[in-house]
Amino acid sequence: MSNILTSSIGRKLIMSITGLFLILFICVHLSVNLLLIFDDTGVLFNMAAYFMDSNPIIKIIEPLLAVGFAFHLIFATIITIQNQKTRKTKYYINNKKSSTWTSRNMFILGALILTFLAVHLSNYFYKIKFGTMPTIEIDGILMNNTYLVVSSSFINNFWYSLIYIAAGIFLGLHLTHGFWSAFQTLGWTNTLWLKRLKIIALVYAIIVATGFSIIPIYFLVFI
């Protein structure tokens, strides 16, 4: 176990596994968030938010998600620092020619996403868990009116909508490299499949970036 935490390949394995775990979470999170624009009554989104907040399985997954994100961040930082220390100028120039802009700036993109996440959590997660929320009754169940809080943040705060759109784009860029490289680290090195994974990564990244960005645009333009 200690070798996994201290060796370069072990750290990359952990970063890849936690990255894939976070990719699954992004799918779920985006699916729930898109309910914001498919039902302007807010019923579907509020019911989904209530389910996510009250389901015992989700309560177990939440801390695992936090731990997974922490490990991903910690080992990404360690690996980036080590690479900066060992990188030679000549190697950097050659590597720059053979790599993409996204792959060379994964840490910067991650830092930008982390900055947005801090704002995002303070706006929603903290308010829902510890703040005072407006409530609504749906099918006889009293629940937080999360739809009102989220939609109001987009409608009343133009700057937050722009930040949300930018974060969606940054996340998409991060995924174009992170998606397929995670499988490569886990041993999926077949040339043909790596090409396919890169295409899948690009499609997935576009879907994620577009999906998250379209939500604030919808509230800014149509509501």
C-alpha atoms as a PDB file:
ATOM      1  CA  MET A   1       0.000   0.000   0.000  1.00  0.00           C
ATOM      2  CA  SER A   2       2.834   2.395   0.855  1.00  0.00           C
ATOM      3  CA  ASN A   3       4.390   1.793  -2.585  1.00  0.00           C
ATOM      4  CA  ILE A   4       1.149   2.838  -4.230  1.00  0.00           C
ATOM      5  CA  LEU A   5       1.115   6.106  -2.308  1.00  0.00           C
ATOM      6  CA  THR A   6       4.799   6.907  -2.797  1.00  0.00           C
ATOM      7  CA  SER A   7       5.691   5.565  -6.246  1.00  0.00           C
ATOM      8  CA  SER A   8       5.071   7.581  -9.393  1.00  0.00           C
ATOM      9  CA  ILE A   9       3.003   4.890 -11.096  1.00  0.00           C
ATOM     10  CA  GLY A  10       1.022   4.265  -7.902  1.00  0.00           C
ATOM     11  CA  ARG A  11       0.079   7.923  -7.629  1.00  0.00           C
ATOM     12  CA  LYS A  12      -0.921   8.017 -11.284  1.00  0.00           C
ATOM     13  CA  LEU A  13      -3.083   4.928 -10.765  1.00  0.00           C
ATOM     14  CA  ILE A  14      -4.872   6.551  -7.837  1.00  0.00           C
ATOM     15  CA  MET A  15      -5.350   9.768  -9.792  1.00  0.00           C
ATOM     16  CA  SER A  16      -6.776   7.798 -12.731  1.00  0.00           C
ATOM     17  CA  ILE A  17      -9.167   5.714 -10.611  1.00  0.00           C
ATOM     18  CA  THR A  18     -10.444   8.746  -8.704  1.00  0.00           C
ATOM     19  CA  GLY A  19     -10.701  10.633 -11.996  1.00  0.00           C
ATOM     20  CA  LEU A  20     -12.951   7.964 -13.498  1.00  0.00           C
ATOM     21  CA  PHE A  21     -15.023   7.982 -10.315  1.00  0.00           C
ATOM     22  CA  LEU A  22     -15.465  11.748 -10.666  1.00  0.00           C
ATOM     23  CA  ILE A  23     -16.389  11.326 -14.348  1.00  0.00           C
ATOM     24  CA  LEU A  24     -19.275   9.058 -13.286  1.00  0.00           C
ATOM     25  CA  PHE A  25     -20.364  11.680 -10.769  1.00  0.00           C
ATOM     26  CA  ILE A  26     -20.321  14.350 -13.473  1.00  0.00           C
ATOM     27  CA  CYS A  27     -22.751  12.229 -15.538  1.00  0.00           C
ATOM     28  CA  VAL A  28     -25.186  12.005 -12.628  1.00  0.00           C
ATOM     29  CA  HIS A  29     -24.783  15.647 -11.643  1.00  0.00           C
ATOM     30  CA  LEU A  30     -25.315  16.910 -15.198  1.00  0.00           C
ATOM     31  CA  SER A  31     -28.360  14.669 -15.676  1.00  0.00           C
ATOM     32  CA  VAL A  32     -29.989  16.107 -12.552  1.00  0.00           C
ATOM     33  CA  ASN A  33     -29.052  19.687 -13.427  1.00  0.00           C
ATOM     34  CA  LEU A  34     -30.549  19.427 -16.909  1.00  0.00           C
ATOM     35  CA  LEU A  35     -33.944  18.928 -15.263  1.00  0.00           C
ATOM     36  CA  LEU A  36     -33.750  22.674 -14.574  1.00  0.00           C
ATOM     37  CA  ILE A  37     -34.442  23.425 -18.229  1.00  0.00           C
ATOM     38  CA  PHE A  38     -36.793  20.538 -19.030  1.00  0.00           C
ATOM     39  CA  ASP A  39     -39.397  21.525 -16.448  1.00  0.00           C
ATOM     40  CA  ASP A  40     -39.858  25.219 -15.689  1.00  0.00           C
ATOM     41  CA  THR A  41     -42.251  24.411 -12.822  1.00  0.00           C
ATOM     42  CA  GLY A  42     -39.283  23.135 -10.857  1.00  0.00           C
ATOM     43  CA  VAL A  43     -41.101  19.976  -9.753  1.00  0.00           C
ATOM     44  CA  LEU A  44     -38.770  17.471 -11.413  1.00  0.00           C
ATOM     45  CA  PHE A  45     -35.604  19.209 -10.224  1.00  0.00           C
ATOM     46  CA  ASN A  46     -36.899  19.643  -6.672  1.00  0.00           C
ATOM     47  CA  MET A  47     -37.909  15.985  -6.500  1.00  0.00           C
ATOM     48  CA  ALA A  48     -34.499  14.902  -7.809  1.00  0.00           C
ATOM     49  CA  ALA A  49     -32.721  17.203  -5.332  1.00  0.00           C
ATOM     50  CA  TYR A  50     -34.875  15.848  -2.509  1.00  0.00           C
ATOM     51  CA  PHE A  51     -34.050  12.276  -3.533  1.00  0.00           C
ATOM     52  CA  MET A  52     -30.322  13.052  -3.651  1.00  0.00           C
ATOM     53  CA  ASP A  53     -30.486  14.700  -0.233  1.00  0.00           C
ATOM     54  CA  SER A  54     -32.574  12.046   1.529  1.00  0.00           C
ATOM     55  CA  ASN A  55     -31.441   8.771  -0.069  1.00  0.00           C
ATOM     56  CA  PRO A  56     -29.222   6.786   2.359  1.00  0.00           C
ATOM     57  CA  ILE A  57     -27.047   5.440  -0.474  1.00  0.00           C
ATOM     58  CA  ILE A  58     -26.299   8.979  -1.647  1.00  0.00           C
ATOM     59  CA  LYS A  59     -25.363   9.914   1.919  1.00  0.00           C
ATOM     60  CA  ILE A  60     -22.727   7.163   1.832  1.00  0.00           C
ATOM     61  CA  ILE A  61     -21.475   8.177  -1.617  1.00  0.00           C
ATOM     62  CA  GLU A  62     -21.094  11.873  -0.665  1.00  0.00           C
ATOM     63  CA  PRO A  63     -18.110  11.396   1.704  1.00  0.00           C
ATOM     64  CA  LEU A  64     -16.560   8.893  -0.735  1.00  0.00           C
ATOM     65  CA  LEU A  65     -16.883  11.531  -3.433  1.00  0.00           C
ATOM     66  CA  ALA A  66     -15.190  14.105  -1.212  1.00  0.00           C
ATOM     67  CA  VAL A  67     -12.340  11.685  -0.428  1.00  0.00           C
ATOM     68  CA  GLY A  68     -11.985  10.766  -4.106  1.00  0.00           C
ATOM     69  CA  PHE A  69     -11.803  14.414  -5.101  1.00  0.00           C
ATOM     70  CA  ALA A  70      -9.253  15.130  -2.357  1.00  0.00           C
ATOM     71  CA  PHE A  71      -7.025  12.241  -3.481  1.00  0.00           C
ATOM     72  CA  HIS A  72      -7.324  13.336  -7.110  1.00  0.00           C
ATOM     73  CA  LEU A  73      -6.317  16.883  -6.198  1.00  0.00           C
ATOM     74  CA  ILE A  74      -3.475  15.894  -3.860  1.00  0.00           C
ATOM     75  CA  PHE A  75      -1.816  13.440  -6.227  1.00  0.00           C
ATOM     76  CA  ALA A  76      -2.321  15.726  -9.235  1.00  0.00           C
ATOM     77  CA  THR A  77      -0.466  18.425  -7.294  1.00  0.00           C
ATOM     78  CA  ILE A  78       2.349  16.078  -6.239  1.00  0.00           C
ATOM     79  CA  ILE A  79       2.811  14.713  -9.758  1.00  0.00           C
ATOM     80  CA  THR A  80       2.808  18.222 -11.270  1.00  0.00           C
ATOM     81  CA  ILE A  81       5.431  19.466  -8.793  1.00  0.00           C
ATOM     82  CA  GLN A  82       7.628  16.408  -9.450  1.00  0.00           C
ATOM     83  CA  ASN A  83       7.351  16.883 -13.193  1.00  0.00           C
ATOM     84  CA  GLN A  84       8.315  20.548 -12.880  1.00  0.00           C
ATOM     85  CA  LYS A  85      11.386  19.632 -10.821  1.00  0.00           C
ATOM     86  CA  THR A  86      12.636  16.953 -13.206  1.00  0.00           C
ATOM     87  CA  ARG A  87      11.719  18.600 -16.493  1.00  0.00           C
ATOM     88  CA  LYS A  88      14.625  19.829 -18.582  1.00  0.00           C
ATOM     89  CA  THR A  89      14.309  22.727 -21.017  1.00  0.00           C
ATOM     90  CA  LYS A  90      15.184  20.535 -23.991  1.00  0.00           C
ATOM     91  CA  TYR A  91      12.699  17.891 -22.899  1.00  0.00           C
ATOM     92  CA  TYR A  92      10.025  20.541 -22.426  1.00  0.00           C
ATOM     93  CA  ILE A  93      10.518  21.900 -25.955  1.00  0.00           C
ATOM     94  CA  ASN A  94      10.343  18.423 -27.500  1.00  0.00           C
ATOM     95  CA  ASN A  95       7.386  17.459 -25.342  1.00  0.00           C
ATOM     96  CA  LYS A  96       5.556  20.645 -26.292  1.00  0.00           C
ATOM     97  CA  LYS A  97       5.764  19.692 -29.961  1.00  0.00           C
ATOM     98  CA  SER A  98       4.289  16.224 -29.381  1.00  0.00           C
ATOM     99  CA  SER A  99       1.620  17.094 -26.787  1.00  0.00           C
ATOM    100  CA  THR A 100      -1.580  19.122 -26.816  1.00  0.00           C
ATOM    101  CA  TRP A 101      -2.218  22.413 -25.052  1.00  0.00           C
ATOM    102  CA  THR A 102      -4.783  20.680 -22.845  1.00  0.00           C
ATOM    103  CA  SER A 103      -2.404  17.942 -21.694  1.00  0.00           C
ATOM    104  CA  ARG A 104       0.242  20.543 -20.816  1.00  0.00           C
ATOM    105  CA  ASN A 105      -2.219  22.638 -18.806  1.00  0.00           C
ATOM    106  CA  MET A 106      -4.235  19.990 -16.963  1.00  0.00           C
ATOM    107  CA  PHE A 107      -3.172  21.331 -13.570  1.00  0.00           C
ATOM    108  CA  ILE A 108      -4.125  24.914 -14.445  1.00  0.00           C
ATOM    109  CA  LEU A 109      -7.507  23.780 -15.747  1.00  0.00           C
ATOM    110  CA  GLY A 110      -7.977  21.734 -12.576  1.00  0.00           C
ATOM    111  CA  ALA A 111      -7.134  24.753 -10.423  1.00  0.00           C
ATOM    112  CA  LEU A 112      -9.698  26.883 -12.281  1.00  0.00           C
ATOM    113  CA  ILE A 113     -12.328  24.169 -11.820  1.00  0.00           C
ATOM    114  CA  LEU A 114     -11.458  23.944  -8.118  1.00  0.00           C
ATOM    115  CA  THR A 115     -11.886  27.714  -7.742  1.00  0.00           C
ATOM    116  CA  PHE A 116     -15.327  27.525  -9.320  1.00  0.00           C
ATOM    117  CA  LEU A 117     -16.222  24.516  -7.161  1.00  0.00           C
ATOM    118  CA  ALA A 118     -15.478  26.508  -4.007  1.00  0.00           C
ATOM    119  CA  VAL A 119     -17.887  29.241  -5.164  1.00  0.00           C
ATOM    120  CA  HIS A 120     -20.431  26.649  -6.293  1.00  0.00           C
ATOM    121  CA  LEU A 121     -20.408  24.801  -2.967  1.00  0.00           C
ATOM    122  CA  SER A 122     -20.805  28.009  -0.983  1.00  0.00           C
ATOM    123  CA  ASN A 123     -23.748  29.076  -3.144  1.00  0.00           C
ATOM    124  CA  TYR A 124     -25.643  25.797  -3.102  1.00  0.00           C
ATOM    125  CA  PHE A 125     -24.289  22.952  -0.984  1.00  0.00           C
ATOM    126  CA  TYR A 126     -23.666  25.082   2.120  1.00  0.00           C
ATOM    127  CA  LYS A 127     -27.052  26.811   1.840  1.00  0.00           C
ATOM    128  CA  ILE A 128     -28.891  23.522   1.357  1.00  0.00           C
ATOM    129  CA  LYS A 129     -27.112  21.705   4.188  1.00  0.00           C
ATOM    130  CA  PHE A 130     -26.694  24.481   6.755  1.00  0.00           C
ATOM    131  CA  GLY A 131     -28.591  27.576   5.612  1.00  0.00           C
ATOM    132  CA  THR A 132     -32.210  28.652   5.514  1.00  0.00           C
ATOM    133  CA  MET A 133     -33.962  27.419   2.391  1.00  0.00           C
ATOM    134  CA  PRO A 134     -37.378  28.275   0.913  1.00  0.00           C
ATOM    135  CA  THR A 135     -39.649  25.246   0.979  1.00  0.00           C
ATOM    136  CA  ILE A 136     -42.326  23.809  -1.287  1.00  0.00           C
ATOM    137  CA  GLU A 137     -44.825  20.974  -0.934  1.00  0.00           C
ATOM    138  CA  ILE A 138     -44.902  18.407  -3.754  1.00  0.00           C
ATOM    139  CA  ASP A 139     -47.163  15.351  -3.587  1.00  0.00           C
ATOM    140  CA  GLY A 140     -47.665  15.920   0.121  1.00  0.00           C
ATOM    141  CA  ILE A 141     -43.934  16.077   0.849  1.00  0.00           C
ATOM    142  CA  LEU A 142     -42.391  19.269   2.215  1.00  0.00           C
ATOM    143  CA  MET A 143     -38.986  19.810   0.650  1.00  0.00           C
ATOM    144  CA  ASN A 144     -36.446  22.524  -0.104  1.00  0.00           C
ATOM    145  CA  ASN A 145     -37.310  24.648  -3.114  1.00  0.00           C
ATOM    146  CA  THR A 146     -33.869  24.128  -4.589  1.00  0.00           C
ATOM    147  CA  TYR A 147     -35.127  25.062  -8.056  1.00  0.00           C
ATOM    148  CA  LEU A 148     -35.955  28.580  -6.854  1.00  0.00           C
ATOM    149  CA  VAL A 149     -32.519  29.054  -5.305  1.00  0.00           C
ATOM    150  CA  VAL A 150     -30.603  27.758  -8.336  1.00  0.00           C
ATOM    151  CA  SER A 151     -32.706  29.505 -10.995  1.00  0.00           C
ATOM    152  CA  SER A 152     -32.586  32.803  -9.061  1.00  0.00           C
ATOM    153  CA  SER A 153     -28.800  32.665  -8.885  1.00  0.00           C
ATOM    154  CA  PHE A 154     -28.631  32.553 -12.688  1.00  0.00           C
ATOM    155  CA  ILE A 155     -31.383  35.088 -13.349  1.00  0.00           C
ATOM    156  CA  ASN A 156     -30.234  37.652 -10.787  1.00  0.00           C
ATOM    157  CA  ASN A 157     -26.445  37.236 -11.078  1.00  0.00           C
ATOM    158  CA  PHE A 158     -25.156  37.692 -14.605  1.00  0.00           C
ATOM    159  CA  TRP A 159     -21.554  37.346 -13.426  1.00  0.00           C
ATOM    160  CA  TYR A 160     -22.248  33.954 -11.850  1.00  0.00           C
ATOM    161  CA  SER A 161     -23.832  32.706 -15.069  1.00  0.00           C
ATOM    162  CA  LEU A 162     -20.684  33.698 -16.980  1.00  0.00           C
ATOM    163  CA  ILE A 163     -18.467  31.959 -14.410  1.00  0.00           C
ATOM    164  CA  TYR A 164     -20.653  28.847 -14.634  1.00  0.00           C
ATOM    165  CA  ILE A 165     -20.331  28.802 -18.428  1.00  0.00           C
ATOM    166  CA  ALA A 166     -16.550  29.274 -18.212  1.00  0.00           C
ATOM    167  CA  ALA A 167     -16.303  26.459 -15.660  1.00  0.00           C
ATOM    168  CA  GLY A 168     -18.249  24.149 -17.982  1.00  0.00           C
ATOM    169  CA  ILE A 169     -15.786  24.902 -20.789  1.00  0.00           C
ATOM    170  CA  PHE A 170     -12.766  24.403 -18.494  1.00  0.00           C
ATOM    171  CA  LEU A 171     -14.211  21.079 -17.333  1.00  0.00           C
ATOM    172  CA  GLY A 172     -14.740  19.985 -20.933  1.00  0.00           C
ATOM    173  CA  LEU A 173     -11.138  20.834 -21.808  1.00  0.00           C
ATOM    174  CA  HIS A 174      -9.907  18.965 -18.732  1.00  0.00           C
ATOM    175  CA  LEU A 175     -11.888  15.887 -19.745  1.00  0.00           C
ATOM    176  CA  THR A 176     -10.595  15.789 -23.344  1.00  0.00           C
ATOM    177  CA  HIS A 177      -7.247  14.593 -21.966  1.00  0.00           C
ATOM    178  CA  GLY A 178      -8.152  13.220 -18.542  1.00  0.00           C
ATOM    179  CA  PHE A 179     -10.763  10.756 -19.852  1.00  0.00           C
ATOM    180  CA  TRP A 180      -8.576   8.720 -22.187  1.00  0.00           C
ATOM    181  CA  SER A 181      -5.319   9.133 -20.241  1.00  0.00           C
ATOM    182  CA  ALA A 182      -6.968   7.536 -17.187  1.00  0.00           C
ATOM    183  CA  PHE A 183      -7.630   4.372 -19.221  1.00  0.00           C
ATOM    184  CA  GLN A 184      -4.082   4.495 -20.597  1.00  0.00           C
ATOM    185  CA  THR A 185      -2.637   4.625 -17.074  1.00  0.00           C
ATOM    186  CA  LEU A 186      -4.788   1.648 -16.091  1.00  0.00           C
ATOM    187  CA  GLY A 187      -3.174  -0.385 -18.885  1.00  0.00           C
ATOM    188  CA  TRP A 188      -5.409   0.281 -21.876  1.00  0.00           C
ATOM    189  CA  THR A 189      -2.521   0.950 -24.271  1.00  0.00           C
ATOM    190  CA  ASN A 190      -3.852  -0.668 -27.434  1.00  0.00           C
ATOM    191  CA  THR A 191      -3.225   1.870 -30.215  1.00  0.00           C
ATOM    192  CA  LEU A 192      -6.572   1.333 -31.935  1.00  0.00           C
ATOM    193  CA  TRP A 193      -8.545   1.625 -28.708  1.00  0.00           C
ATOM    194  CA  LEU A 194      -6.608   4.681 -27.588  1.00  0.00           C
ATOM    195  CA  LYS A 195      -7.708   6.418 -30.794  1.00  0.00           C
ATOM    196  CA  ARG A 196     -11.289   5.399 -30.075  1.00  0.00           C
ATOM    197  CA  LEU A 197     -11.030   6.551 -26.457  1.00  0.00           C
ATOM    198  CA  LYS A 198      -9.746   9.937 -27.593  1.00  0.00           C
ATOM    199  CA  ILE A 199     -12.794  10.317 -29.839  1.00  0.00           C
ATOM    200  CA  ILE A 200     -15.101   9.216 -27.000  1.00  0.00           C
ATOM    201  CA  ALA A 201     -13.329  11.660 -24.682  1.00  0.00           C
ATOM    202  CA  LEU A 202     -13.863  14.529 -27.129  1.00  0.00           C
ATOM    203  CA  VAL A 203     -17.558  13.703 -27.589  1.00  0.00           C
ATOM    204  CA  TYR A 204     -18.077  13.315 -23.845  1.00  0.00           C
ATOM    205  CA  ALA A 205     -16.235  16.578 -23.139  1.00  0.00           C
ATOM    206  CA  ILE A 206     -18.381  18.463 -25.661  1.00  0.00           C
ATOM    207  CA  ILE A 207     -21.561  17.026 -24.123  1.00  0.00           C
ATOM    208  CA  VAL A 208     -20.449  17.998 -20.610  1.00  0.00           C
ATOM    209  CA  ALA A 209     -19.300  21.494 -21.566  1.00  0.00           C
ATOM    210  CA  THR A 210     -22.440  22.153 -23.602  1.00  0.00           C
ATOM    211  CA  GLY A 211     -24.743  20.613 -21.002  1.00  0.00           C
ATOM    212  CA  PHE A 212     -23.465  22.700 -18.118  1.00  0.00           C
ATOM    213  CA  SER A 213     -23.178  25.885 -20.189  1.00  0.00           C
ATOM    214  CA  ILE A 214     -26.682  25.699 -21.641  1.00  0.00           C
ATOM    215  CA  ILE A 215     -28.296  25.861 -18.188  1.00  0.00           C
ATOM    216  CA  PRO A 216     -27.330  29.479 -17.312  1.00  0.00           C
ATOM    217  CA  ILE A 217     -27.847  30.497 -20.947  1.00  0.00           C
ATOM    218  CA  TYR A 218     -31.386  29.165 -20.773  1.00  0.00           C
ATOM    219  CA  PHE A 219     -32.213  31.256 -17.695  1.00  0.00           C
ATOM    220  CA  LEU A 220     -30.510  34.356 -19.088  1.00  0.00           C
ATOM    221  CA  VAL A 221     -32.232  34.213 -22.478  1.00  0.00           C
ATOM    222  CA  PHE A 222     -35.587  32.523 -21.989  1.00  0.00           C
ATOM    223  CA  ILE A 223     -36.643  33.246 -18.393  1.00  0.00           C
END
